[in-house]
Amino acid sequence: MAENLSGQNGKSINRVNPEGISNCVWVDAGLVSYKLCDRDFECENCQFDQIMRQESRRGKKTPLESKSPTGAEESFNASLTCKDTLPTMVREFLSKSIPRTLSPDRLYSKNHLWIKETEDGKYRVGLDNYVTTLFPGTWNVILPQTGTMSRRSGPLTWIILEDGTVVVRSPLDGKVSRSNFQLRESPALLNSDPYESGWICEVSGVEHKKVELFFLNESAAKAFFDNQFLELEKTLVYDLEHKSDHVGVTMMDGGTKLKNLNDVLGSKKYISVLKKLLSSEM
């Protein structure tokens, strides 16, 4: 499979990948020149991904990070008391701290991506704030390179967390014609302004009939997401009450010092939740 990409310096890059094998996420980040992924982006099982994230934490080679606490985190922190239990915190966060709003002038996929047609017939793509408010205070975003093909259910972009990498699956078939490089400088826009300046990329060559077939309008999407988060809350609460031995990060007086859903669930469970939401049947 041949790729003709536009590098960061604007020069054309030609590569030939084996059929069915894609570039590693760190290649698209521009941090390594050539590395193939044969794990279908199951990054949590990849030693190379672990090494690269360790390098990121040391500050040697990394995309710029978002370090601003989200509004949901601030609300969540303010509501915690020493009497709270972990299941109560999950209910509090998912029921009250998530700003469940959708922009009415766009369509939504079931894995929390929105699209909006531009004046020149392309589709702008972004993430809704149901899922972005679940991001912790620090993350990186890796954007798709201009000229790459967007394949429905294939990788579109990546969220790099301290303890794992989450693939965002594309809802569209087409060609990436533009990426929002403002996110390289300010990835927190994914959370603070997800429907406007926090968009991810634009895709051209999209069949309009498939858009009508696969996407939900605002009211249908809100009903689907509200039910999805209700089921997620029930599952997580049940797990914490019956299966989990995770007790969170505690202070000496027995109170609980938790910043976000990641702290409540633990990194492994938290990343699995994000992966499920961003890979839902589209």
Protein backbone atom coordinates (compact mmCIF):
# COMPACT_ATOMS: atom_id res chain seq x y z
CA MET A 1 0.00 0.00 0.00
CA ALA A 2 1.63 3.25 -1.15
CA GLU A 3 1.25 6.51 0.76
CA ASN A 4 1.97 9.98 -0.52
CA LEU A 5 2.12 12.23 2.52
CA SER A 6 2.91 15.84 3.21
CA GLY A 7 5.69 16.09 5.77
CA GLN A 8 6.01 18.81 8.36
CA ASN A 9 8.33 20.79 6.05
CA GLY A 10 5.79 20.54 3.20
CA LYS A 11 7.84 18.07 1.16
CA SER A 12 6.25 14.97 -0.32
CA ILE A 13 6.97 11.68 1.47
CA ASN A 14 6.47 8.40 -0.37
CA ARG A 15 6.22 5.15 1.57
CA VAL A 16 5.12 1.64 0.77
CA ASN A 17 3.51 -0.32 3.59
CA PRO A 18 2.53 -4.00 3.51
CA GLU A 19 -1.16 -4.56 2.82
CA GLY A 20 -3.20 -4.22 6.00
CA ILE A 21 -0.33 -2.66 7.98
CA SER A 22 -0.43 1.00 8.99
CA ASN A 23 2.09 3.45 10.34
CA CYS A 24 2.72 3.48 14.06
CA VAL A 25 0.99 6.33 15.87
CA TRP A 26 4.40 7.84 16.72
CA VAL A 27 5.23 8.12 13.02
CA ASP A 28 2.13 10.24 12.47
CA ALA A 29 3.19 12.28 15.51
CA GLY A 30 6.40 13.11 13.63
CA LEU A 31 8.61 11.70 16.39
CA VAL A 32 9.99 8.68 14.54
CA SER A 33 10.65 8.42 10.82
CA TYR A 34 9.45 4.86 10.17
CA LYS A 35 7.67 2.26 12.30
CA LEU A 36 4.80 -0.03 11.31
CA CYS A 37 1.94 -1.17 13.54
CA ASP A 38 0.94 -4.83 13.36
CA ARG A 39 -1.24 -4.77 16.49
CA ASP A 40 -4.29 -2.91 15.12
CA PHE A 41 -3.36 -0.04 17.45
CA GLU A 42 -3.67 -2.07 20.64
CA CYS A 43 -1.04 0.26 22.05
CA GLU A 44 -1.34 -0.91 25.64
CA ASN A 45 0.30 -4.19 24.60
CA CYS A 46 3.12 -2.53 22.66
CA GLN A 47 6.53 -2.16 24.29
CA PHE A 48 7.53 0.53 21.79
CA ASP A 49 4.54 2.66 22.81
CA GLN A 50 5.48 2.27 26.47
CA ILE A 51 9.02 3.42 25.74
CA MET A 52 7.82 6.45 23.79
CA ARG A 53 5.46 7.50 26.57
CA GLN A 54 8.31 7.17 29.07
CA GLU A 55 10.37 9.48 26.86
CA SER A 56 7.42 11.89 26.80
CA ARG A 57 7.31 11.99 30.60
CA ARG A 58 11.04 12.76 30.69
CA GLY A 59 10.38 15.66 28.35
CA LYS A 60 12.85 14.54 25.70
CA LYS A 61 10.66 14.07 22.61
CA THR A 62 6.99 14.81 22.91
CA PRO A 63 4.13 16.76 21.37
CA LEU A 64 2.98 19.69 23.45
CA GLU A 65 0.68 18.75 26.31
CA SER A 66 -2.58 20.01 27.67
CA LYS A 67 -2.09 20.69 31.37
CA SER A 68 -5.19 22.66 32.25
CA PRO A 69 -7.75 20.96 34.50
CA THR A 70 -11.10 20.61 32.81
CA GLY A 71 -14.25 22.27 34.07
CA ALA A 72 -15.59 18.84 34.91
CA GLU A 73 -12.53 18.14 37.06
CA GLU A 74 -12.92 21.42 38.93
CA SER A 75 -16.60 20.69 39.59
CA PHE A 76 -15.77 17.15 40.59
CA ASN A 77 -13.05 18.24 43.02
CA ALA A 78 -15.33 20.76 44.66
CA SER A 79 -18.02 18.15 45.30
CA LEU A 80 -15.87 15.53 47.07
CA THR A 81 -15.94 14.98 50.83
CA CYS A 82 -14.34 12.45 53.16
CA LYS A 83 -17.65 10.59 53.35
CA ASP A 84 -17.78 9.85 49.62
CA THR A 85 -17.34 6.29 48.42
CA LEU A 86 -15.90 5.41 45.03
CA PRO A 87 -19.30 4.37 43.57
CA THR A 88 -20.78 7.66 44.78
CA MET A 89 -17.97 9.54 43.06
CA VAL A 90 -18.59 7.72 39.79
CA ARG A 91 -22.29 8.64 39.95
CA GLU A 92 -21.39 12.23 40.80
CA PHE A 93 -18.95 12.58 37.95
CA LEU A 94 -20.99 10.89 35.21
CA SER A 95 -24.37 12.29 36.28
CA LYS A 96 -23.57 15.85 37.29
CA SER A 97 -20.10 16.88 36.13
CA ILE A 98 -20.40 16.01 32.43
CA PRO A 99 -21.79 18.97 30.42
CA ARG A 100 -24.14 17.01 28.19
CA THR A 101 -24.53 19.46 25.35
CA LEU A 102 -24.45 18.94 21.60
CA SER A 103 -24.27 21.56 18.87
CA PRO A 104 -27.51 21.48 16.83
CA ASP A 105 -25.91 22.32 13.48
CA ARG A 106 -23.98 19.06 12.99
CA LEU A 107 -24.33 15.28 12.92
CA TYR A 108 -22.88 12.67 15.31
CA SER A 109 -21.46 9.18 15.10
CA LYS A 110 -22.05 6.68 17.89
CA ASN A 111 -18.38 6.85 18.87
CA HIS A 112 -18.67 10.56 19.82
CA LEU A 113 -17.37 12.22 16.68
CA TRP A 114 -19.27 15.09 15.08
CA ILE A 115 -19.19 16.20 11.45
CA LYS A 116 -20.23 19.43 9.78
CA GLU A 117 -20.22 20.10 6.05
CA THR A 118 -18.13 23.08 4.97
CA GLU A 119 -18.93 25.51 2.17
CA ASP A 120 -16.64 23.68 -0.25
CA GLY A 121 -18.29 20.28 0.33
CA LYS A 122 -15.77 18.83 2.77
CA TYR A 123 -16.63 17.57 6.25
CA ARG A 124 -15.07 19.00 9.38
CA VAL A 125 -14.64 16.40 12.15
CA GLY A 126 -14.35 16.78 15.92
CA LEU A 127 -15.13 15.14 19.27
CA ASP A 128 -18.24 15.91 21.34
CA ASN A 129 -17.91 17.07 24.92
CA TYR A 130 -19.56 13.95 26.34
CA VAL A 131 -16.21 12.23 25.85
CA THR A 132 -13.69 15.10 25.96
CA THR A 133 -14.70 16.02 29.51
CA LEU A 134 -13.56 12.54 30.55
CA PHE A 135 -9.99 13.39 29.55
CA PRO A 136 -7.64 13.99 32.49
CA GLY A 137 -5.77 17.27 32.98
CA THR A 138 -2.80 16.22 30.85
CA TRP A 139 -2.86 14.62 27.42
CA ASN A 140 -1.40 14.87 23.94
CA VAL A 141 -3.24 14.70 20.63
CA ILE A 142 -1.75 13.29 17.42
CA LEU A 143 -3.40 14.57 14.26
CA PRO A 144 -3.82 12.75 10.94
CA GLN A 145 -1.41 13.84 8.24
CA THR A 146 -2.73 15.72 5.23
CA GLY A 147 -3.13 13.40 2.27
CA THR A 148 -3.80 10.23 4.23
CA MET A 149 -6.97 8.26 3.59
CA SER A 150 -9.66 8.20 6.24
CA ARG A 151 -11.29 4.76 6.40
CA ARG A 152 -14.50 4.19 8.30
CA SER A 153 -13.67 2.41 11.61
CA GLY A 154 -9.95 2.86 10.90
CA PRO A 155 -7.67 5.09 13.00
CA LEU A 156 -8.15 8.82 12.52
CA THR A 157 -6.32 10.42 15.44
CA TRP A 158 -4.87 9.42 18.80
CA ILE A 159 -5.14 10.64 22.38
CA ILE A 160 -1.85 10.05 24.22
CA LEU A 161 -2.40 9.73 27.97
CA GLU A 162 0.25 9.26 30.62
CA ASP A 163 -0.55 5.56 30.98
CA GLY A 164 -1.84 4.61 27.54
CA THR A 165 -2.76 5.51 23.99
CA VAL A 166 -6.39 5.65 22.81
CA VAL A 167 -7.27 5.40 19.12
CA VAL A 168 -10.09 7.58 17.79
CA ARG A 169 -11.78 5.67 14.97
CA SER A 170 -12.90 7.52 11.86
CA PRO A 171 -16.63 7.70 11.02
CA LEU A 172 -15.96 8.59 7.37
CA ASP A 173 -14.42 7.27 4.18
CA GLY A 174 -12.50 9.99 2.39
CA LYS A 175 -9.20 11.86 2.29
CA VAL A 176 -7.78 14.08 5.02
CA SER A 177 -7.45 17.46 3.33
CA ARG A 178 -6.62 19.54 6.40
CA SER A 179 -5.73 19.09 10.06
CA ASN A 180 -6.23 21.58 12.87
CA PHE A 181 -2.62 22.29 13.79
CA GLN A 182 -3.78 24.72 16.46
CA LEU A 183 -4.29 21.61 18.59
CA ARG A 184 -0.52 21.05 18.58
CA GLU A 185 -0.11 24.29 20.52
CA SER A 186 -3.34 24.09 22.52
CA PRO A 187 -4.68 20.50 22.78
CA ALA A 188 -6.95 21.64 25.63
CA LEU A 189 -9.21 23.14 22.94
CA LEU A 190 -10.55 19.60 22.46
CA ASN A 191 -12.18 20.08 25.85
CA SER A 192 -12.73 23.81 26.20
CA ASP A 193 -14.12 24.47 22.71
CA PRO A 194 -14.85 21.08 21.08
CA TYR A 195 -17.43 22.33 18.57
CA GLU A 196 -15.52 25.29 17.17
CA SER A 197 -11.76 25.86 17.54
CA GLY A 198 -11.19 22.35 18.90
CA TRP A 199 -12.04 20.54 15.64
CA ILE A 200 -9.63 17.80 14.49
CA CYS A 201 -9.51 17.64 10.69
CA GLU A 202 -11.41 18.04 7.41
CA VAL A 203 -12.20 15.12 5.09
CA SER A 204 -12.96 15.40 1.37
CA GLY A 205 -14.48 12.96 -1.12
CA VAL A 206 -17.23 11.79 1.26
CA GLU A 207 -20.36 10.13 -0.12
CA HIS A 208 -23.34 12.13 1.12
CA LYS A 209 -25.65 9.08 1.11
CA LYS A 210 -23.44 7.36 3.68
CA VAL A 211 -23.54 10.43 5.89
CA GLU A 212 -27.33 10.26 5.98
CA LEU A 213 -27.15 6.52 6.67
CA PHE A 214 -24.60 6.40 9.48
CA PHE A 215 -24.98 9.63 11.46
CA LEU A 216 -27.46 10.89 14.06
CA ASN A 217 -28.97 14.34 14.40
CA GLU A 218 -28.70 16.25 17.67
CA SER A 219 -31.82 14.86 19.37
CA ALA A 220 -31.17 11.25 18.36
CA ALA A 221 -27.52 11.50 19.37
CA LYS A 222 -28.38 13.01 22.76
CA ALA A 223 -30.83 10.21 23.50
CA PHE A 224 -28.24 7.60 22.48
CA PHE A 225 -25.39 9.17 24.51
CA ASP A 226 -27.53 9.75 27.61
CA ASN A 227 -28.53 6.09 27.62
CA GLN A 228 -24.93 5.05 26.92
CA PHE A 229 -23.62 7.01 29.90
CA LEU A 230 -26.39 5.69 32.13
CA GLU A 231 -25.40 2.12 31.24
CA LEU A 232 -21.73 3.01 31.74
CA GLU A 233 -22.50 4.39 35.18
CA LYS A 234 -24.40 1.23 36.17
CA THR A 235 -21.56 -1.01 34.97
CA LEU A 236 -18.81 0.95 36.71
CA VAL A 237 -20.72 1.26 39.97
CA TYR A 238 -21.45 -2.48 39.97
CA ASP A 239 -17.79 -3.27 39.34
CA LEU A 240 -16.64 -0.99 42.15
CA GLU A 241 -19.19 -2.42 44.59
CA HIS A 242 -18.66 -6.09 43.77
CA LYS A 243 -15.43 -6.71 41.90
CA SER A 244 -12.86 -3.98 42.42
CA ASP A 245 -10.24 -3.75 45.16
CA HIS A 246 -9.12 -0.31 43.97
CA VAL A 247 -9.35 2.13 46.89
CA GLY A 248 -8.09 5.29 45.23
CA VAL A 249 -5.43 7.72 46.41
CA THR A 250 -6.14 8.49 50.06
CA MET A 251 -4.98 11.16 52.48
CA MET A 252 -3.73 10.38 55.98
CA ASP A 253 -7.04 11.36 57.59
CA GLY A 254 -8.86 8.77 55.53
CA GLY A 255 -10.37 11.30 53.12
CA THR A 256 -10.09 10.66 49.41
CA LYS A 257 -7.88 12.80 47.19
CA LEU A 258 -9.17 12.15 43.69
CA LYS A 259 -8.97 14.52 40.73
CA ASN A 260 -10.91 12.79 37.96
CA LEU A 261 -12.42 9.55 36.72
CA ASN A 262 -8.95 8.18 36.02
CA ASP A 263 -8.12 8.41 39.74
CA VAL A 264 -11.36 6.69 40.71
CA LEU A 265 -11.12 3.77 38.30
CA GLY A 266 -7.37 3.31 37.95
CA SER A 267 -5.51 3.78 34.66
CA LYS A 268 -6.23 0.38 33.13
CA LYS A 269 -10.00 0.54 33.65
CA TYR A 270 -10.17 4.21 32.73
CA ILE A 271 -8.40 3.68 29.39
CA SER A 272 -10.66 0.73 28.62
CA VAL A 273 -13.69 2.99 29.16
CA LEU A 274 -12.33 5.63 26.78
CA LYS A 275 -11.51 3.00 24.18
CA LYS A 276 -15.03 1.59 24.37
CA LEU A 277 -16.65 5.00 23.99
CA LEU A 278 -14.42 6.02 21.08
CA SER A 279 -14.74 2.67 19.32
CA SER A 280 -18.48 2.17 19.75
CA GLU A 281 -20.36 0.63 16.82
CA MET A 282 -20.77 3.45 14.33
